[in-house]
């Protein structure tokens, strides 16, 4: 059995029945499918895309890329009605609705495509005026392009219209033009510990939304990844706590609900963060947990529902003990189990998924 599979098995063996915890301050970010284009929302890395109605932590910065359909350009982009066309980003402070308008490209104009992310700031000007992502310029115009990488990455090759480009130079465009760049790949050492004091974290490398391997903390060679490797930091709070934040090299990350496709135990949900290995030689990963006062959306409910207790035995059998009458609902709202007061019920027969146990004194959300 290969090392990746062994490390994966060791990490998921305890994941059969876990409370679904949340940050105490999260908001929903929603958007529809605009006509003649699409929206792509990420946590800062182009491939770390969110789905509409995603829940993210307050204070998170999100990046919006609008992809026009053939023959169209981005005419407007708003977050809760506020114009974000020039920046393509916003900070989450409330439930947020994104909207975009795409219009036909006028005759004699051409589209300029590039992605907005936290990795680098692409600065494009035409005649001294800024050219925003998915915007238009007159055909035959001269563009000046400057790519300013963040301090976390090393900039590699830049291409404009598919041709290698010298950063800070100019180019004449007469047709649709894409601006792209590469990040230089290096070895990155990932450091963390499972036990974070009031909760635990695991770091998993992700390929196409599936766990590929769990990074073993402190194991030489097992904790080395390449630049731009996608990783998910999955958090499991102790009873009575919720995830407060996740930090990489002391910098707080975007907290979101992670949908993990587990080939052995089905789909599972965690609160945590999606991160990418950048050019820093090391990544120091930590998390903080806070007492669950029951006020935040999607809280684990352990302290808010003290009359209920989840217990896992030998990583295989999960039971729910309750001091009051409780009904267990599936994520779709269907009642799937009734547990009388003062009794204990096995949850082993429930299919994998998210469930909510509701009683008069509180609610407990958990993943089976």
Protein backbone atom coordinates (compact mmCIF):
# COMPACT_ATOMS: atom_id res chain seq x y z
CA UNK A 1 0.00 0.00 0.00
CA UNK A 2 1.50 3.36 -0.95
CA UNK A 3 2.46 6.04 1.55
CA UNK A 4 -0.26 8.46 0.45
CA UNK A 5 -2.99 5.91 1.04
CA UNK A 6 -1.57 4.93 4.43
CA UNK A 7 -1.39 8.53 5.60
CA UNK A 8 -4.89 9.15 4.27
CA UNK A 9 -6.28 6.15 6.21
CA UNK A 10 -4.62 7.24 9.43
CA UNK A 11 -6.17 10.68 9.15
CA UNK A 12 -9.73 9.65 8.35
CA UNK A 13 -10.01 6.76 10.78
CA UNK A 14 -11.44 9.10 13.43
CA UNK A 15 -13.78 10.93 11.05
CA UNK A 16 -16.83 8.66 11.21
CA UNK A 17 -18.90 10.82 13.53
CA UNK A 18 -17.72 14.33 14.33
CA UNK A 19 -19.48 17.51 15.46
CA UNK A 20 -19.77 20.04 12.65
CA UNK A 21 -18.29 23.19 14.13
CA UNK A 22 -18.26 26.70 12.78
CA UNK A 23 -16.70 30.06 13.28
CA UNK A 24 -19.02 32.18 15.44
CA UNK A 25 -19.23 34.91 12.79
CA UNK A 26 -19.87 33.69 9.26
CA UNK A 27 -21.88 35.13 6.38
CA UNK A 28 -23.36 33.83 3.15
CA UNK A 29 -21.99 34.97 -0.21
CA UNK A 30 -24.38 34.39 -3.11
CA UNK A 31 -24.57 35.09 -6.82
CA UNK A 32 -26.63 33.97 -9.76
CA UNK A 33 -25.65 33.08 -13.30
CA UNK A 34 -25.57 36.38 -15.21
CA UNK A 35 -26.49 36.49 -18.87
CA UNK A 36 -23.60 36.20 -21.32
CA UNK A 37 -20.97 35.35 -18.72
CA UNK A 38 -20.05 33.64 -15.46
CA UNK A 39 -18.77 34.61 -12.02
CA UNK A 40 -15.98 32.85 -10.19
CA UNK A 41 -15.39 33.72 -6.52
CA UNK A 42 -12.27 32.61 -4.67
CA UNK A 43 -10.44 33.05 -1.39
CA UNK A 44 -7.49 34.63 -3.17
CA UNK A 45 -6.08 31.74 -5.16
CA UNK A 46 -7.62 31.28 -8.63
CA UNK A 47 -8.40 27.59 -8.11
CA UNK A 48 -9.79 27.98 -4.56
CA UNK A 49 -13.29 28.64 -5.84
CA UNK A 50 -16.38 28.92 -3.69
CA UNK A 51 -19.87 27.83 -4.60
CA UNK A 52 -22.77 30.27 -4.45
CA UNK A 53 -24.32 30.51 -0.97
CA UNK A 54 -20.96 29.65 0.59
CA UNK A 55 -20.43 30.55 4.23
CA UNK A 56 -17.18 32.38 5.00
CA UNK A 57 -15.75 34.08 8.06
CA UNK A 58 -16.34 37.74 8.79
CA UNK A 59 -13.46 39.94 7.67
CA UNK A 60 -12.43 37.60 4.85
CA UNK A 61 -11.30 39.14 1.57
CA UNK A 62 -12.78 37.45 -1.49
CA UNK A 63 -11.78 37.87 -5.13
CA UNK A 64 -14.30 37.93 -7.97
CA UNK A 65 -13.40 37.02 -11.54
CA UNK A 66 -16.04 37.63 -14.19
CA UNK A 67 -15.68 35.55 -17.35
CA UNK A 68 -17.49 37.03 -20.36
CA UNK A 69 -19.06 34.86 -23.01
CA UNK A 70 -17.87 35.10 -26.60
CA UNK A 71 -18.33 38.63 -27.95
CA UNK A 72 -19.01 40.23 -24.54
CA UNK A 73 -17.08 42.21 -21.92
CA UNK A 74 -17.63 42.98 -18.23
CA UNK A 75 -19.56 46.25 -17.92
CA UNK A 76 -20.34 46.29 -14.19
CA UNK A 77 -19.54 44.31 -11.03
CA UNK A 78 -21.11 44.97 -7.62
CA UNK A 79 -21.19 43.54 -4.09
CA UNK A 80 -24.44 44.44 -2.32
CA UNK A 81 -24.84 47.22 -4.86
CA UNK A 82 -21.38 48.73 -4.28
CA UNK A 83 -19.10 49.03 -7.31
CA UNK A 84 -16.09 46.68 -7.18
CA UNK A 85 -15.22 46.79 -10.89
CA UNK A 86 -11.82 48.41 -10.31
CA UNK A 87 -10.67 45.97 -7.62
CA UNK A 88 -12.67 42.77 -8.24
CA UNK A 89 -12.50 42.12 -4.49
CA UNK A 90 -14.40 42.86 -1.29
CA UNK A 91 -14.29 42.22 2.45
CA UNK A 92 -17.07 40.13 3.95
CA UNK A 93 -18.89 42.08 6.69
CA UNK A 94 -22.45 40.84 6.09
CA UNK A 95 -24.43 38.50 3.86
CA UNK A 96 -23.35 39.55 0.37
CA UNK A 97 -24.93 39.29 -3.07
CA UNK A 98 -22.73 39.66 -6.14
CA UNK A 99 -23.99 40.86 -9.50
CA UNK A 100 -22.33 41.33 -12.88
CA UNK A 101 -23.44 42.79 -16.20
CA UNK A 102 -21.93 41.78 -19.52
CA UNK A 103 -22.44 43.80 -22.69
CA UNK A 104 -21.53 43.24 -26.36
CA UNK A 105 -18.01 44.31 -27.35
CA UNK A 106 -18.35 47.42 -29.56
CA UNK A 107 -16.97 47.34 -33.07
CA UNK A 108 -13.32 48.39 -33.13
CA UNK A 109 -12.64 47.21 -29.56
CA UNK A 110 -10.99 44.09 -28.14
CA UNK A 111 -11.20 42.23 -24.84
CA UNK A 112 -8.37 42.11 -22.27
CA UNK A 113 -8.52 39.03 -20.02
CA UNK A 114 -6.62 38.39 -16.79
CA UNK A 115 -7.37 36.84 -13.41
CA UNK A 116 -7.47 38.78 -10.15
CA UNK A 117 -5.99 36.99 -7.13
CA UNK A 118 -3.92 37.50 -3.99
CA UNK A 119 -0.82 36.04 -5.67
CA UNK A 120 -0.04 39.09 -7.78
CA UNK A 121 -1.44 42.47 -8.75
CA UNK A 122 -1.77 42.76 -12.54
CA UNK A 123 -1.64 46.44 -13.50
CA UNK A 124 -2.72 47.22 -17.07
CA UNK A 125 -2.94 50.71 -18.55
CA UNK A 126 -3.88 52.06 -21.97
CA UNK A 127 -3.10 55.71 -22.67
CA UNK A 128 -2.60 56.28 -18.96
CA UNK A 129 -6.03 54.84 -18.05
CA UNK A 130 -6.45 51.63 -16.04
CA UNK A 131 -7.79 48.61 -17.90
CA UNK A 132 -9.77 46.36 -15.57
CA UNK A 133 -9.99 42.58 -15.87
CA UNK A 134 -12.34 41.49 -18.70
CA UNK A 135 -12.49 45.08 -19.93
CA UNK A 136 -12.06 46.46 -23.44
CA UNK A 137 -9.63 48.76 -25.28
CA UNK A 138 -9.62 50.14 -28.84
CA UNK A 139 -8.07 47.72 -31.32
CA UNK A 140 -4.49 48.74 -32.12
CA UNK A 141 -3.94 50.20 -28.65
CA UNK A 142 -0.66 49.96 -26.78
CA UNK A 143 -0.96 48.30 -23.37
CA UNK A 144 1.53 48.65 -20.55
CA UNK A 145 1.53 45.58 -18.30
CA UNK A 146 3.16 45.32 -14.88
CA UNK A 147 2.76 42.23 -12.68
CA UNK A 148 3.56 42.87 -9.01
CA UNK A 149 3.85 39.57 -7.09
CA UNK A 150 2.94 39.32 -3.43
CA UNK A 151 5.78 38.82 -0.96
CA UNK A 152 4.69 35.18 -0.63
CA UNK A 153 5.58 34.08 -4.17
CA UNK A 154 8.38 34.26 -6.72
CA UNK A 155 7.25 35.41 -10.14
CA UNK A 156 8.11 33.24 -13.13
CA UNK A 157 7.30 33.69 -16.82
CA UNK A 158 4.75 36.28 -17.96
CA UNK A 159 2.86 35.88 -21.23
CA UNK A 160 0.68 38.39 -23.07
CA UNK A 161 -1.36 37.02 -25.93
CA UNK A 162 0.51 33.74 -25.59
CA UNK A 163 3.92 35.37 -26.11
CA UNK A 164 6.64 35.72 -23.47
CA UNK A 165 6.56 39.26 -22.10
CA UNK A 166 9.05 41.45 -20.25
CA UNK A 167 7.45 42.75 -17.07
CA UNK A 168 6.71 46.47 -17.21
CA UNK A 169 6.87 46.61 -20.99
CA UNK A 170 4.29 47.53 -23.61
CA UNK A 171 2.51 45.59 -26.34
CA UNK A 172 0.12 46.51 -29.16
CA UNK A 173 -3.14 44.55 -29.21
CA UNK A 174 -5.60 44.18 -32.05
CA UNK A 175 -7.62 41.17 -30.90
CA UNK A 176 -8.72 39.45 -27.67
CA UNK A 177 -5.66 39.30 -25.40
CA UNK A 178 -4.97 37.23 -22.28
CA UNK A 179 -2.38 38.13 -19.65
CA UNK A 180 -0.99 35.23 -17.61
CA UNK A 181 1.93 34.52 -15.29
CA UNK A 182 3.56 31.53 -13.64
CA UNK A 183 4.81 31.07 -10.10
CA UNK A 184 8.28 29.56 -9.65
CA UNK A 185 8.04 26.16 -7.95
CA UNK A 186 10.10 25.42 -4.83
CA UNK A 187 10.03 23.02 -1.87
CA UNK A 188 7.90 24.24 1.05
CA UNK A 189 8.07 22.71 4.53
CA UNK A 190 4.71 22.54 6.34
CA UNK A 191 4.83 22.64 10.14
CA UNK A 192 1.86 22.08 12.46
CA UNK A 193 0.69 19.90 15.35
CA UNK A 194 -2.60 18.03 15.61
CA UNK A 195 -3.47 19.27 19.11
CA UNK A 196 -4.14 23.01 19.13
CA UNK A 197 -5.36 23.22 22.70
CA UNK A 198 -9.26 23.24 22.54
CA UNK A 199 -9.33 21.41 19.22
CA UNK A 200 -7.37 19.57 16.57
CA UNK A 201 -6.40 20.24 12.97
CA UNK A 202 -5.21 18.09 10.09
CA UNK A 203 -3.65 19.27 6.85
CA UNK A 204 -4.54 17.39 3.70
CA UNK A 205 -3.31 17.83 0.15
CA UNK A 206 -6.26 18.02 -2.23
CA UNK A 207 -6.58 16.98 -5.86
CA UNK A 208 -9.87 17.75 -7.66
CA UNK A 209 -11.70 18.17 -4.34
CA UNK A 210 -10.56 14.82 -2.95
CA UNK A 211 -8.11 14.06 -0.17
CA UNK A 212 -4.91 12.84 -1.80
CA UNK A 213 -2.64 12.66 1.24
CA UNK A 214 -2.50 13.85 4.84
CA UNK A 215 0.59 15.83 5.77
CA UNK A 216 2.18 14.16 8.77
CA UNK A 217 3.41 16.84 11.19
CA UNK A 218 7.05 16.54 12.15
CA UNK A 219 7.73 13.61 9.81
CA UNK A 220 10.74 14.55 7.70
CA UNK A 221 10.01 14.24 4.00
CA UNK A 222 6.28 13.77 4.60
CA UNK A 223 5.78 17.46 5.33
CA UNK A 224 7.37 18.83 2.14
CA UNK A 225 5.15 20.03 -0.71
CA UNK A 226 5.69 22.00 -3.91
CA UNK A 227 4.72 25.62 -4.44
CA UNK A 228 1.00 26.02 -5.29
CA UNK A 229 0.04 22.65 -3.79
CA UNK A 230 -3.59 22.96 -2.64
CA UNK A 231 -4.16 22.04 1.01
CA UNK A 232 -7.19 22.02 3.25
CA UNK A 233 -6.85 22.67 6.96
CA UNK A 234 -9.69 20.74 8.61
CA UNK A 235 -10.56 21.65 12.20
CA UNK A 236 -12.30 19.54 14.85
CA UNK A 237 -13.05 21.56 18.02
CA UNK A 238 -13.19 19.99 21.46
CA UNK A 239 -16.60 19.71 23.12
CA UNK A 240 -17.94 23.16 23.95
CA UNK A 241 -15.71 25.02 21.47
CA UNK A 242 -15.90 26.32 17.91
CA UNK A 243 -13.23 27.27 15.41
CA UNK A 244 -12.22 30.92 15.71
CA UNK A 245 -9.53 31.20 13.05
CA UNK A 246 -6.74 29.47 11.15
CA UNK A 247 -3.33 31.08 10.68
CA UNK A 248 -0.48 30.52 8.22
CA UNK A 249 2.74 32.20 9.32
CA UNK A 250 0.62 34.28 11.68
CA UNK A 251 -1.73 35.54 8.95
CA UNK A 252 -5.46 34.73 9.43
CA UNK A 253 -7.03 32.76 6.58
CA UNK A 254 -10.50 32.74 5.04
CA UNK A 255 -12.67 30.42 7.14
CA UNK A 256 -15.20 28.39 5.18
CA UNK A 257 -17.15 25.16 5.30
CA UNK A 258 -15.13 22.47 3.51
CA UNK A 259 -16.90 19.69 1.66
CA UNK A 260 -14.46 16.78 1.70
CA UNK A 261 -14.98 13.87 -0.68
CA UNK A 262 -13.83 10.83 1.26
CA UNK A 263 -13.74 7.59 -0.80
CA UNK A 264 -14.08 5.46 2.32
CA UNK A 265 -16.67 7.37 4.38
CA UNK A 266 -18.45 9.50 1.76
CA UNK A 267 -18.89 13.27 1.80
CA UNK A 268 -17.86 14.99 5.02
CA UNK A 269 -18.01 18.60 6.15
CA UNK A 270 -15.48 20.52 8.23
CA UNK A 271 -14.87 24.13 9.10
CA UNK A 272 -11.39 25.25 8.18
CA UNK A 273 -9.44 26.95 5.41
CA UNK A 274 -8.15 26.25 1.90
CA UNK A 275 -4.54 27.31 1.48
CA UNK A 276 -1.81 26.96 -1.10
CA UNK A 277 1.88 26.40 -0.55
CA UNK A 278 3.61 29.62 -1.55
CA UNK A 279 7.27 30.45 -2.01
CA UNK A 280 8.04 30.88 1.68
CA UNK A 281 10.45 28.10 2.68
CA UNK A 282 8.20 27.14 5.61
CA UNK A 283 4.50 27.31 6.49
CA UNK A 284 3.73 27.47 10.20
CA UNK A 285 0.07 26.51 10.60
CA UNK A 286 -1.95 27.07 13.78
CA UNK A 287 -5.60 27.44 14.76
CA UNK A 288 -7.51 29.10 17.57
CA UNK A 289 -10.76 27.87 19.12
CA UNK A 290 -13.21 29.78 21.30
CA UNK A 291 -15.93 28.81 23.73
CA UNK A 292 -19.17 28.00 21.90
CA UNK A 293 -21.85 30.31 23.30
CA UNK A 294 -24.42 29.08 20.78
CA UNK A 295 -24.80 32.50 19.18
CA UNK A 296 -23.08 31.79 15.88
CA UNK A 297 -24.72 30.18 12.84
CA UNK A 298 -23.92 26.50 12.38
CA UNK A 299 -22.33 26.11 15.80
CA UNK A 300 -21.55 22.62 17.01
CA UNK A 301 -24.26 22.87 19.63
CA UNK A 302 -22.28 20.89 22.19
CA UNK A 303 -22.51 23.54 24.87
CA UNK A 304 -25.79 24.95 23.55
CA UNK A 305 -27.35 21.48 23.82
CA UNK A 306 -25.83 19.96 26.99
CA UNK A 307 -28.69 17.46 27.20
CA UNK A 308 -27.24 15.65 24.15
CA UNK A 309 -23.92 13.87 23.78
CA UNK A 310 -22.24 12.21 20.79
CA UNK A 311 -19.87 9.33 21.54
CA UNK A 312 -17.68 7.32 19.15
CA UNK A 313 -16.32 3.91 20.16
CA UNK A 314 -13.30 2.32 18.46
CA UNK A 315 -13.77 4.73 15.52
CA UNK A 316 -16.60 2.55 14.24
CA UNK A 317 -19.72 2.94 16.41
CA UNK A 318 -21.41 6.27 17.08
CA UNK A 319 -24.20 6.84 19.61
CA UNK A 320 -26.41 9.75 20.66
CA UNK A 321 -27.35 10.01 24.34
CA UNK A 322 -30.09 12.45 25.32
CA UNK A 323 -31.85 13.63 28.46
CA UNK A 324 -34.90 14.84 26.53
CA UNK A 325 -36.96 13.82 23.53
CA UNK A 326 -34.90 14.49 20.40
CA UNK A 327 -35.62 14.26 16.67
CA UNK A 328 -32.74 13.79 14.22
CA UNK A 329 -33.22 15.45 10.81
CA UNK A 330 -31.31 15.01 7.56
CA UNK A 331 -29.85 18.07 5.84
CA UNK A 332 -32.96 18.13 3.63
CA UNK A 333 -35.19 18.49 6.71
CA UNK A 334 -36.55 14.93 6.78
CA UNK A 335 -36.99 13.36 10.24
CA UNK A 336 -34.89 10.18 10.22
CA UNK A 337 -34.71 9.16 13.90
CA UNK A 338 -36.53 9.79 17.17
CA UNK A 339 -34.67 9.32 20.45
CA UNK A 340 -36.76 9.27 23.66
CA UNK A 341 -35.64 11.15 26.77
CA UNK A 342 -33.17 9.27 28.95
CA UNK A 343 -32.11 6.85 26.22
CA UNK A 344 -29.20 6.12 23.93
CA UNK A 345 -29.50 5.46 20.18
CA UNK A 346 -27.03 4.08 17.67
CA UNK A 347 -26.36 6.30 14.65
CA UNK A 348 -24.58 3.57 12.71
CA UNK A 349 -27.56 2.99 10.42
CA UNK A 350 -27.58 6.57 9.12
CA UNK A 351 -26.04 7.11 5.66
CA UNK A 352 -23.07 9.47 5.47
CA UNK A 353 -24.10 13.11 5.56
CA UNK A 354 -24.96 16.13 7.71
CA UNK A 355 -27.62 15.77 10.42
CA UNK A 356 -29.26 17.99 13.02
CA UNK A 357 -30.54 16.65 16.34
CA UNK A 358 -33.21 18.98 17.75
CA UNK A 359 -34.64 19.08 21.25
CA UNK A 360 -36.49 21.66 23.33
CA UNK A 361 -33.27 22.83 25.00
CA UNK A 362 -30.96 23.03 22.02
CA UNK A 363 -29.66 21.75 18.70
CA UNK A 364 -26.68 19.57 17.82
CA UNK A 365 -25.34 19.45 14.24
CA UNK A 366 -23.05 16.58 13.31
CA UNK A 367 -21.53 14.69 10.38
CA UNK A 368 -22.01 10.94 10.02
